[in-house]
PDB file of N, CA and C in Angstrom:
ATOM      1  N   MET A   1       0.856  -1.178   0.000  1.00  0.00           N
ATOM      2  CA  MET A   1       0.000   0.000   0.000  1.00  0.00           C
ATOM      3  C   MET A   1       0.897   1.234   0.000  1.00  0.00           C
ATOM      4  N   THR A   2       0.547   2.196  -0.839  1.00  0.00           N
ATOM      5  CA  THR A   2       1.273   3.459  -0.947  1.00  0.00           C
ATOM      6  C   THR A   2       0.467   4.559  -0.276  1.00  0.00           C
ATOM      7  N   LYS A   3       1.161   5.390   0.480  1.00  0.00           N
ATOM      8  CA  LYS A   3       0.514   6.532   1.139  1.00  0.00           C
ATOM      9  C   LYS A   3       1.160   7.806   0.628  1.00  0.00           C
ATOM     10  N   VAL A   4       0.331   8.756   0.249  1.00  0.00           N
ATOM     11  CA  VAL A   4       0.793  10.079  -0.155  1.00  0.00           C
ATOM     12  C   VAL A   4       0.357  11.042   0.941  1.00  0.00           C
ATOM     13  N   SER A   5       1.337  11.615   1.628  1.00  0.00           N
ATOM     14  CA  SER A   5       1.063  12.560   2.712  1.00  0.00           C
ATOM     15  C   SER A   5       1.374  13.960   2.230  1.00  0.00           C
ATOM     16  N   VAL A   6       0.439  14.865   2.433  1.00  0.00           N
ATOM     17  CA  VAL A   6       0.620  16.274   2.094  1.00  0.00           C
ATOM     18  C   VAL A   6       0.640  17.021   3.420  1.00  0.00           C
ATOM     19  N   LEU A   7       1.796  17.575   3.765  1.00  0.00           N
ATOM     20  CA  LEU A   7       2.011  18.221   5.058  1.00  0.00           C
ATOM     21  C   LEU A   7       2.077  19.731   4.872  1.00  0.00           C
ATOM     22  N   TYR A   8       1.295  20.437   5.661  1.00  0.00           N
ATOM     23  CA  TYR A   8       1.219  21.893   5.574  1.00  0.00           C
ATOM     24  C   TYR A   8       1.932  22.498   6.782  1.00  0.00           C
ATOM     25  N   PRO A   9       3.157  23.029   6.592  1.00  0.00           N
ATOM     26  CA  PRO A   9       3.931  23.560   7.713  1.00  0.00           C
ATOM     27  C   PRO A   9       3.241  24.744   8.383  1.00  0.00           C
ATOM     28  N   ASN A  10       3.388  24.782   9.692  1.00  0.00           N
ATOM     29  CA  ASN A  10       2.833  25.868  10.481  1.00  0.00           C
ATOM     30  C   ASN A  10       3.867  26.984  10.583  1.00  0.00           C
ATOM     31  N   GLY A  11       3.405  28.189  10.738  1.00  0.00           N
ATOM     32  CA  GLY A  11       4.291  29.339  10.910  1.00  0.00           C
ATOM     33  C   GLY A  11       3.531  30.505  11.495  1.00  0.00           C
ATOM     34  N   VAL A  12       4.264  31.541  11.834  1.00  0.00           N
ATOM     35  CA  VAL A  12       3.666  32.722  12.470  1.00  0.00           C
ATOM     36  C   VAL A  12       2.547  33.308  11.614  1.00  0.00           C
ATOM     37  N   ASP A  13       2.749  33.382  10.309  1.00  0.00           N
ATOM     38  CA  ASP A  13       1.772  34.003   9.424  1.00  0.00           C
ATOM     39  C   ASP A  13       0.976  32.981   8.589  1.00  0.00           C
ATOM     40  N   THR A  14       0.998  31.725   9.013  1.00  0.00           N
ATOM     41  CA  THR A  14       0.303  30.695   8.234  1.00  0.00           C
ATOM     42  C   THR A  14      -1.200  30.852   8.346  1.00  0.00           C
ATOM     43  N   ARG A  15      -1.837  30.836   7.170  1.00  0.00           N
ATOM     44  CA  ARG A  15      -3.300  30.869   7.079  1.00  0.00           C
ATOM     45  C   ARG A  15      -3.738  29.509   6.553  1.00  0.00           C
ATOM     46  N   PHE A  16      -4.733  28.912   7.221  1.00  0.00           N
ATOM     47  CA  PHE A  16      -5.282  27.638   6.752  1.00  0.00           C
ATOM     48  C   PHE A  16      -6.772  27.618   7.064  1.00  0.00           C
ATOM     49  N   ASP A  17      -7.599  27.550   6.015  1.00  0.00           N
ATOM     50  CA  ASP A  17      -9.053  27.540   6.157  1.00  0.00           C
ATOM     51  C   ASP A  17      -9.529  26.085   6.133  1.00  0.00           C
ATOM     52  N   MET A  18      -9.646  25.485   7.326  1.00  0.00           N
ATOM     53  CA  MET A  18     -10.031  24.081   7.436  1.00  0.00           C
ATOM     54  C   MET A  18     -11.438  23.845   6.898  1.00  0.00           C
ATOM     55  N   ASP A  19     -12.346  24.788   7.063  1.00  0.00           N
ATOM     56  CA  ASP A  19     -13.704  24.622   6.537  1.00  0.00           C
ATOM     57  C   ASP A  19     -13.686  24.478   5.014  1.00  0.00           C
ATOM     58  N   TYR A  20     -12.923  25.339   4.341  1.00  0.00           N
ATOM     59  CA  TYR A  20     -12.809  25.244   2.881  1.00  0.00           C
ATOM     60  C   TYR A  20     -12.136  23.930   2.502  1.00  0.00           C
ATOM     61  N   TYR A  21     -11.077  23.581   3.208  1.00  0.00           N
ATOM     62  CA  TYR A  21     -10.324  22.368   2.908  1.00  0.00           C
ATOM     63  C   TYR A  21     -11.215  21.127   2.983  1.00  0.00           C
ATOM     64  N   LEU A  22     -11.984  21.028   4.056  1.00  0.00           N
ATOM     65  CA  LEU A  22     -12.851  19.862   4.254  1.00  0.00           C
ATOM     66  C   LEU A  22     -14.114  19.908   3.401  1.00  0.00           C
ATOM     67  N   GLY A  23     -14.637  21.101   3.187  1.00  0.00           N
ATOM     68  CA  GLY A  23     -15.903  21.234   2.480  1.00  0.00           C
ATOM     69  C   GLY A  23     -15.807  21.326   0.972  1.00  0.00           C
ATOM     70  N   LYS A  24     -14.669  21.802   0.471  1.00  0.00           N
ATOM     71  CA  LYS A  24     -14.534  21.996  -0.982  1.00  0.00           C
ATOM     72  C   LYS A  24     -13.323  21.280  -1.575  1.00  0.00           C
ATOM     73  N   HIS A  25     -12.137  21.522  -0.975  1.00  0.00           N
ATOM     74  CA  HIS A  25     -10.924  20.970  -1.591  1.00  0.00           C
ATOM     75  C   HIS A  25     -10.908  19.438  -1.547  1.00  0.00           C
ATOM     76  N   MET A  26     -11.091  18.873  -0.378  1.00  0.00           N
ATOM     77  CA  MET A  26     -10.988  17.420  -0.262  1.00  0.00           C
ATOM     78  C   MET A  26     -12.083  16.681  -1.045  1.00  0.00           C
ATOM     79  N   PRO A  27     -13.336  17.137  -1.062  1.00  0.00           N
ATOM     80  CA  PRO A  27     -14.320  16.474  -1.927  1.00  0.00           C
ATOM     81  C   PRO A  27     -13.922  16.536  -3.406  1.00  0.00           C
ATOM     82  N   MET A  28     -13.340  17.660  -3.834  1.00  0.00           N
ATOM     83  CA  MET A  28     -12.884  17.781  -5.217  1.00  0.00           C
ATOM     84  C   MET A  28     -11.747  16.798  -5.487  1.00  0.00           C
ATOM     85  N   VAL A  29     -10.793  16.710  -4.559  1.00  0.00           N
ATOM     86  CA  VAL A  29      -9.675  15.782  -4.710  1.00  0.00           C
ATOM     87  C   VAL A  29     -10.183  14.351  -4.807  1.00  0.00           C
ATOM     88  N   GLN A  30     -11.076  13.969  -3.918  1.00  0.00           N
ATOM     89  CA  GLN A  30     -11.616  12.611  -3.938  1.00  0.00           C
ATOM     90  C   GLN A  30     -12.335  12.319  -5.252  1.00  0.00           C
ATOM     91  N   ALA A  31     -13.097  13.278  -5.739  1.00  0.00           N
ATOM     92  CA  ALA A  31     -13.810  13.081  -7.009  1.00  0.00           C
ATOM     93  C   ALA A  31     -12.824  12.917  -8.165  1.00  0.00           C
ATOM     94  N   LYS A  32     -11.759  13.697  -8.177  1.00  0.00           N
ATOM     95  CA  LYS A  32     -10.775  13.623  -9.258  1.00  0.00           C
ATOM     96  C   LYS A  32      -9.991  12.313  -9.209  1.00  0.00           C
ATOM     97  N   LEU A  33      -9.600  11.870  -8.014  1.00  0.00           N
ATOM     98  CA  LEU A  33      -8.796  10.660  -7.880  1.00  0.00           C
ATOM     99  C   LEU A  33      -9.618   9.390  -8.057  1.00  0.00           C
ATOM    100  N   GLY A  34     -10.904   9.475  -7.764  1.00  0.00           N
ATOM    101  CA  GLY A  34     -11.800   8.352  -7.982  1.00  0.00           C
ATOM    102  C   GLY A  34     -11.460   7.126  -7.152  1.00  0.00           C
ATOM    103  N   ALA A  35     -11.785   5.954  -7.706  1.00  0.00           N
ATOM    104  CA  ALA A  35     -11.633   4.686  -6.994  1.00  0.00           C
ATOM    105  C   ALA A  35     -10.176   4.324  -6.727  1.00  0.00           C
ATOM    106  N   ALA A  36      -9.232   4.971  -7.406  1.00  0.00           N
ATOM    107  CA  ALA A  36      -7.815   4.685  -7.163  1.00  0.00           C
ATOM    108  C   ALA A  36      -7.413   5.058  -5.742  1.00  0.00           C
ATOM    109  N   CYS A  37      -8.079   6.052  -5.176  1.00  0.00           N
ATOM    110  CA  CYS A  37      -7.803   6.483  -3.808  1.00  0.00           C
ATOM    111  C   CYS A  37      -8.644   5.624  -2.866  1.00  0.00           C
ATOM    112  N   LYS A  38      -7.975   4.789  -2.095  1.00  0.00           N
ATOM    113  CA  LYS A  38      -8.648   3.800  -1.252  1.00  0.00           C
ATOM    114  C   LYS A  38      -9.089   4.344   0.106  1.00  0.00           C
ATOM    115  N   LYS A  39      -8.386   5.347   0.599  1.00  0.00           N
ATOM    116  CA  LYS A  39      -8.681   5.886   1.930  1.00  0.00           C
ATOM    117  C   LYS A  39      -8.110   7.294   2.012  1.00  0.00           C
ATOM    118  N   VAL A  40      -8.800   8.165   2.750  1.00  0.00           N
ATOM    119  CA  VAL A  40      -8.336   9.541   2.960  1.00  0.00           C
ATOM    120  C   VAL A  40      -8.418   9.856   4.453  1.00  0.00           C
ATOM    121  N   GLU A  41      -7.378  10.487   4.965  1.00  0.00           N
ATOM    122  CA  GLU A  41      -7.368  10.968   6.344  1.00  0.00           C
ATOM    123  C   GLU A  41      -6.898  12.420   6.327  1.00  0.00           C
ATOM    124  N   VAL A  42      -7.521  13.253   7.148  1.00  0.00           N
ATOM    125  CA  VAL A  42      -7.098  14.646   7.295  1.00  0.00           C
ATOM    126  C   VAL A  42      -6.834  14.891   8.769  1.00  0.00           C
ATOM    127  N   ASP A  43      -5.638  15.423   9.068  1.00  0.00           N
ATOM    128  CA  ASP A  43      -5.252  15.749  10.435  1.00  0.00           C
ATOM    129  C   ASP A  43      -5.196  17.259  10.601  1.00  0.00           C
ATOM    130  N   HIS A  44      -5.622  17.729  11.771  1.00  0.00           N
ATOM    131  CA  HIS A  44      -5.499  19.147  12.132  1.00  0.00           C
ATOM    132  C   HIS A  44      -4.498  19.222  13.271  1.00  0.00           C
ATOM    133  N   GLY A  45      -3.369  19.887  13.060  1.00  0.00           N
ATOM    134  CA  GLY A  45      -2.317  19.966  14.073  1.00  0.00           C
ATOM    135  C   GLY A  45      -2.771  20.689  15.327  1.00  0.00           C
ATOM    136  N   LEU A  46      -2.477  20.074  16.482  1.00  0.00           N
ATOM    137  CA  LEU A  46      -2.847  20.659  17.773  1.00  0.00           C
ATOM    138  C   LEU A  46      -1.651  21.102  18.604  1.00  0.00           C
ATOM    139  N   GLY A  47      -0.525  20.418  18.458  1.00  0.00           N
ATOM    140  CA  GLY A  47       0.640  20.760  19.263  1.00  0.00           C
ATOM    141  C   GLY A  47       1.874  20.048  18.772  1.00  0.00           C
ATOM    142  N   GLY A  48       3.003  20.452  19.349  1.00  0.00           N
ATOM    143  CA  GLY A  48       4.280  19.841  19.007  1.00  0.00           C
ATOM    144  C   GLY A  48       4.666  18.774  20.011  1.00  0.00           C
ATOM    145  N   GLY A  49       5.923  18.367  19.979  1.00  0.00           N
ATOM    146  CA  GLY A  49       6.402  17.287  20.830  1.00  0.00           C
ATOM    147  C   GLY A  49       6.495  17.642  22.300  1.00  0.00           C
ATOM    148  N   GLN A  50       6.631  18.910  22.623  1.00  0.00           N
ATOM    149  CA  GLN A  50       6.722  19.362  24.007  1.00  0.00           C
ATOM    150  C   GLN A  50       5.405  20.004  24.424  1.00  0.00           C
ATOM    151  N   PRO A  51       5.020  19.874  25.698  1.00  0.00           N
ATOM    152  CA  PRO A  51       3.786  20.511  26.162  1.00  0.00           C
ATOM    153  C   PRO A  51       3.776  22.010  25.859  1.00  0.00           C
ATOM    154  N   GLY A  52       2.703  22.458  25.257  1.00  0.00           N
ATOM    155  CA  GLY A  52       2.554  23.873  24.943  1.00  0.00           C
ATOM    156  C   GLY A  52       3.216  24.317  23.653  1.00  0.00           C
ATOM    157  N   ALA A  53       3.961  23.429  23.016  1.00  0.00           N
ATOM    158  CA  ALA A  53       4.637  23.791  21.756  1.00  0.00           C
ATOM    159  C   ALA A  53       3.621  23.838  20.624  1.00  0.00           C
ATOM    160  N   PRO A  54       3.783  24.772  19.703  1.00  0.00           N
ATOM    161  CA  PRO A  54       2.857  24.826  18.564  1.00  0.00           C
ATOM    162  C   PRO A  54       3.095  23.628  17.642  1.00  0.00           C
ATOM    163  N   PRO A  55       2.084  23.243  16.886  1.00  0.00           N
ATOM    164  CA  PRO A  55       2.256  22.121  15.968  1.00  0.00           C
ATOM    165  C   PRO A  55       3.205  22.498  14.834  1.00  0.00           C
ATOM    166  N   PRO A  56       4.106  21.592  14.443  1.00  0.00           N
ATOM    167  CA  PRO A  56       4.986  21.896  13.323  1.00  0.00           C
ATOM    168  C   PRO A  56       4.230  21.952  11.997  1.00  0.00           C
ATOM    169  N   PHE A  57       3.088  21.298  11.958  1.00  0.00           N
ATOM    170  CA  PHE A  57       2.240  21.304  10.765  1.00  0.00           C
ATOM    171  C   PHE A  57       0.835  21.711  11.184  1.00  0.00           C
ATOM    172  N   VAL A  58       0.243  22.637  10.435  1.00  0.00           N
ATOM    173  CA  VAL A  58      -1.111  23.094  10.738  1.00  0.00           C
ATOM    174  C   VAL A  58      -2.129  22.027  10.314  1.00  0.00           C
ATOM    175  N   ALA A  59      -1.781  21.256   9.289  1.00  0.00           N
ATOM    176  CA  ALA A  59      -2.669  20.196   8.802  1.00  0.00           C
ATOM    177  C   ALA A  59      -1.861  19.196   7.994  1.00  0.00           C
ATOM    178  N   ALA A  60      -2.462  18.029   7.801  1.00  0.00           N
ATOM    179  CA  ALA A  60      -1.866  17.001   6.958  1.00  0.00           C
ATOM    180  C   ALA A  60      -2.993  16.186   6.334  1.00  0.00           C
ATOM    181  N   CYS A  61      -2.736  15.720   5.141  1.00  0.00           N
ATOM    182  CA  CYS A  61      -3.684  14.856   4.444  1.00  0.00           C
ATOM    183  C   CYS A  61      -2.929  13.598   4.041  1.00  0.00           C
ATOM    184  N   HIS A  62      -3.571  12.451   4.205  1.00  0.00           N
ATOM    185  CA  HIS A  62      -2.962  11.171   3.853  1.00  0.00           C
ATOM    186  C   HIS A  62      -3.897  10.437   2.893  1.00  0.00           C
ATOM    187  N   LEU A  63      -3.393  10.160   1.709  1.00  0.00           N
ATOM    188  CA  LEU A  63      -4.162   9.489   0.662  1.00  0.00           C
ATOM    189  C   LEU A  63      -3.549   8.111   0.426  1.00  0.00           C
ATOM    190  N   HIS A  64      -4.368   7.075   0.402  1.00  0.00           N
ATOM    191  CA  HIS A  64      -3.881   5.703   0.266  1.00  0.00           C
ATOM    192  C   HIS A  64      -4.224   5.148  -1.120  1.00  0.00           C
ATOM    193  N   PHE A  65      -3.229   4.511  -1.729  1.00  0.00           N
ATOM    194  CA  PHE A  65      -3.367   3.919  -3.065  1.00  0.00           C
ATOM    195  C   PHE A  65      -2.758   2.520  -3.049  1.00  0.00           C
ATOM    196  N   ASP A  66      -3.127   1.709  -4.022  1.00  0.00           N
ATOM    197  CA  ASP A  66      -2.555   0.369  -4.125  1.00  0.00           C
ATOM    198  C   ASP A  66      -1.069   0.407  -4.468  1.00  0.00           C
ATOM    199  N   SER A  67      -0.631   1.439  -5.200  1.00  0.00           N
ATOM    200  CA  SER A  67       0.762   1.521  -5.645  1.00  0.00           C
ATOM    201  C   SER A  67       1.107   2.959  -6.012  1.00  0.00           C
ATOM    202  N   VAL A  68       2.397   3.204  -6.193  1.00  0.00           N
ATOM    203  CA  VAL A  68       2.850   4.520  -6.658  1.00  0.00           C
ATOM    204  C   VAL A  68       2.276   4.779  -8.050  1.00  0.00           C
ATOM    205  N   ASP A  69       2.279   3.767  -8.886  1.00  0.00           N
ATOM    206  CA  ASP A  69       1.753   3.906 -10.239  1.00  0.00           C
ATOM    207  C   ASP A  69       0.267   4.278 -10.225  1.00  0.00           C
ATOM    208  N   ALA A  70      -0.493   3.658  -9.336  1.00  0.00           N
ATOM    209  CA  ALA A  70      -1.923   3.977  -9.232  1.00  0.00           C
ATOM    210  C   ALA A  70      -2.117   5.436  -8.834  1.00  0.00           C
ATOM    211  N   PHE A  71      -1.278   5.922  -7.903  1.00  0.00           N
ATOM    212  CA  PHE A  71      -1.338   7.337  -7.520  1.00  0.00           C
ATOM    213  C   PHE A  71      -1.013   8.233  -8.706  1.00  0.00           C
ATOM    214  N   GLN A  72       0.079   7.949  -9.385  1.00  0.00           N
ATOM    215  CA  GLN A  72       0.516   8.798 -10.492  1.00  0.00           C
ATOM    216  C   GLN A  72      -0.511   8.836 -11.614  1.00  0.00           C
ATOM    217  N   GLN A  73      -1.120   7.708 -11.919  1.00  0.00           N
ATOM    218  CA  GLN A  73      -2.128   7.670 -12.978  1.00  0.00           C
ATOM    219  C   GLN A  73      -3.386   8.443 -12.594  1.00  0.00           C
ATOM    220  N   ALA A  74      -3.762   8.386 -11.310  1.00  0.00           N
ATOM    221  CA  ALA A  74      -4.960   9.093 -10.853  1.00  0.00           C
ATOM    222  C   ALA A  74      -4.712  10.591 -10.701  1.00  0.00           C
ATOM    223  N   PHE A  75      -3.545  10.952 -10.193  1.00  0.00           N
ATOM    224  CA  PHE A  75      -3.236  12.355  -9.899  1.00  0.00           C
ATOM    225  C   PHE A  75      -2.807  13.145 -11.133  1.00  0.00           C
ATOM    226  N   GLY A  76      -1.993  12.537 -11.972  1.00  0.00           N
ATOM    227  CA  GLY A  76      -1.397  13.225 -13.114  1.00  0.00           C
ATOM    228  C   GLY A  76      -2.343  14.064 -13.949  1.00  0.00           C
ATOM    229  N   PRO A  77      -3.459  13.497 -14.405  1.00  0.00           N
ATOM    230  CA  PRO A  77      -4.365  14.276 -15.253  1.00  0.00           C
ATOM    231  C   PRO A  77      -5.044  15.443 -14.532  1.00  0.00           C
ATOM    232  N   HIS A  78      -5.038  15.426 -13.200  1.00  0.00           N
ATOM    233  CA  HIS A  78      -5.747  16.446 -12.421  1.00  0.00           C
ATOM    234  C   HIS A  78      -4.807  17.308 -11.584  1.00  0.00           C
ATOM    235  N   ALA A  79      -3.507  17.104 -11.741  1.00  0.00           N
ATOM    236  CA  ALA A  79      -2.526  17.805 -10.900  1.00  0.00           C
ATOM    237  C   ALA A  79      -2.712  19.316 -10.930  1.00  0.00           C
ATOM    238  N   GLU A  80      -2.858  19.882 -12.112  1.00  0.00           N
ATOM    239  CA  GLU A  80      -2.975  21.343 -12.222  1.00  0.00           C
ATOM    240  C   GLU A  80      -4.217  21.862 -11.507  1.00  0.00           C
ATOM    241  N   THR A  81      -5.334  21.197 -11.665  1.00  0.00           N
ATOM    242  CA  THR A  81      -6.583  21.620 -11.012  1.00  0.00           C
ATOM    243  C   THR A  81      -6.461  21.533  -9.499  1.00  0.00           C
ATOM    244  N   ILE A  82      -5.935  20.419  -9.021  1.00  0.00           N
ATOM    245  CA  ILE A  82      -5.797  20.217  -7.572  1.00  0.00           C
ATOM    246  C   ILE A  82      -4.820  21.228  -6.987  1.00  0.00           C
ATOM    247  N   MET A  83      -3.673  21.380  -7.607  1.00  0.00           N
ATOM    248  CA  MET A  83      -2.647  22.283  -7.080  1.00  0.00           C
ATOM    249  C   MET A  83      -3.071  23.753  -7.160  1.00  0.00           C
ATOM    250  N   SER A  84      -3.817  24.117  -8.175  1.00  0.00           N
ATOM    251  CA  SER A  84      -4.223  25.518  -8.323  1.00  0.00           C
ATOM    252  C   SER A  84      -5.258  25.939  -7.282  1.00  0.00           C
ATOM    253  N   ASP A  85      -5.843  24.980  -6.581  1.00  0.00           N
ATOM    254  CA  ASP A  85      -6.821  25.297  -5.537  1.00  0.00           C
ATOM    255  C   ASP A  85      -6.154  25.625  -4.197  1.00  0.00           C
ATOM    256  N   ILE A  86      -4.884  25.313  -4.036  1.00  0.00           N
ATOM    257  CA  ILE A  86      -4.194  25.503  -2.755  1.00  0.00           C
ATOM    258  C   ILE A  86      -4.313  26.930  -2.220  1.00  0.00           C
ATOM    259  N   PRO A  87      -4.105  27.984  -3.019  1.00  0.00           N
ATOM    260  CA  PRO A  87      -4.213  29.342  -2.474  1.00  0.00           C
ATOM    261  C   PRO A  87      -5.602  29.686  -1.924  1.00  0.00           C
ATOM    262  N   ASN A  88      -6.612  28.916  -2.278  1.00  0.00           N
ATOM    263  CA  ASN A  88      -7.954  29.178  -1.758  1.00  0.00           C
ATOM    264  C   ASN A  88      -8.097  28.822  -0.281  1.00  0.00           C
ATOM    265  N   TYR A  89      -7.193  27.996   0.259  1.00  0.00           N
ATOM    266  CA  TYR A  89      -7.317  27.618   1.666  1.00  0.00           C
ATOM    267  C   TYR A  89      -6.047  27.835   2.500  1.00  0.00           C
ATOM    268  N   THR A  90      -4.903  28.062   1.861  1.00  0.00           N
ATOM    269  CA  THR A  90      -3.698  28.278   2.666  1.00  0.00           C
ATOM    270  C   THR A  90      -2.644  29.075   1.912  1.00  0.00           C
ATOM    271  N   ASN A  91      -1.768  29.687   2.693  1.00  0.00           N
ATOM    272  CA  ASN A  91      -0.588  30.328   2.130  1.00  0.00           C
ATOM    273  C   ASN A  91       0.673  29.498   2.426  1.00  0.00           C
ATOM    274  N   ALA A  92       0.488  28.334   3.046  1.00  0.00           N
ATOM    275  CA  ALA A  92       1.607  27.440   3.345  1.00  0.00           C
ATOM    276  C   ALA A  92       2.027  26.691   2.082  1.00  0.00           C
ATOM    277  N   GLN A  93       3.304  26.427   1.958  1.00  0.00           N
ATOM    278  CA  GLN A  93       3.835  25.634   0.850  1.00  0.00           C
ATOM    279  C   GLN A  93       3.875  24.178   1.312  1.00  0.00           C
ATOM    280  N   PRO A  94       2.990  23.321   0.787  1.00  0.00           N
ATOM    281  CA  PRO A  94       2.935  21.947   1.276  1.00  0.00           C
ATOM    282  C   PRO A  94       4.165  21.128   0.887  1.00  0.00           C
ATOM    283  N   THR A  95       4.471  20.172   1.744  1.00  0.00           N
ATOM    284  CA  THR A  95       5.503  19.179   1.499  1.00  0.00           C
ATOM    285  C   THR A  95       4.804  17.855   1.235  1.00  0.00           C
ATOM    286  N   VAL A  96       5.227  17.136   0.199  1.00  0.00           N
ATOM    287  CA  VAL A  96       4.601  15.865  -0.159  1.00  0.00           C
ATOM    288  C   VAL A  96       5.587  14.734   0.127  1.00  0.00           C
ATOM    289  N   LEU A  97       5.085  13.688   0.776  1.00  0.00           N
ATOM    290  CA  LEU A  97       5.864  12.484   1.042  1.00  0.00           C
ATOM    291  C   LEU A  97       5.102  11.301   0.460  1.00  0.00           C
ATOM    292  N   VAL A  98       5.726  10.585  -0.467  1.00  0.00           N
ATOM    293  CA  VAL A  98       5.159   9.350  -0.998  1.00  0.00           C
ATOM    294  C   VAL A  98       5.888   8.217  -0.286  1.00  0.00           C
ATOM    295  N   SER A  99       5.124   7.340   0.377  1.00  0.00           N
ATOM    296  CA  SER A  99       5.753   6.293   1.170  1.00  0.00           C
ATOM    297  C   SER A  99       5.042   4.960   1.001  1.00  0.00           C
ATOM    298  N   GLU A 100       5.728   3.931   1.421  1.00  0.00           N
ATOM    299  CA  GLU A 100       5.161   2.593   1.419  1.00  0.00           C
ATOM    300  C   GLU A 100       4.811   2.244   2.866  1.00  0.00           C
ATOM    301  N   ILE A 101       3.569   1.829   3.109  1.00  0.00           N
ATOM    302  CA  ILE A 101       3.146   1.459   4.444  1.00  0.00           C
ATOM    303  C   ILE A 101       3.738   0.090   4.765  1.00  0.00           C
ATOM    304  N   LYS A 102       4.490   0.013   5.842  1.00  0.00           N
ATOM    305  CA  LYS A 102       5.167  -1.219   6.227  1.00  0.00           C
ATOM    306  C   LYS A 102       4.472  -1.940   7.382  1.00  0.00           C
ATOM    307  N   TRP A 103       3.758  -1.175   8.213  1.00  0.00           N
ATOM    308  CA  TRP A 103       3.136  -1.819   9.358  1.00  0.00           C
ATOM    309  C   TRP A 103       1.845  -1.155   9.681  1.00  0.00           C
TER     310      TRP A 103
END
């Protein structure tokens, strides 16, 4: 199983509209990726590793696919549409991690 994690770094001036993200962006992403996307998780950062520390990431999204190829085939045709929506909910520059789930 392949997981694609999109991590949105937190910062002093970071803006993130979770309502837009959950209500508009993620439904659009799911519709574009279709059945190739097996599972979706969205995290909202609450804190860092130390008590009272701010979260290093304001949000994260985890998309599950059968393989890297399945992700690339589903995402590729819609990459521009999906990526162009980012400014509508955040000014953070997301980091993407493609990984293989081991456990």
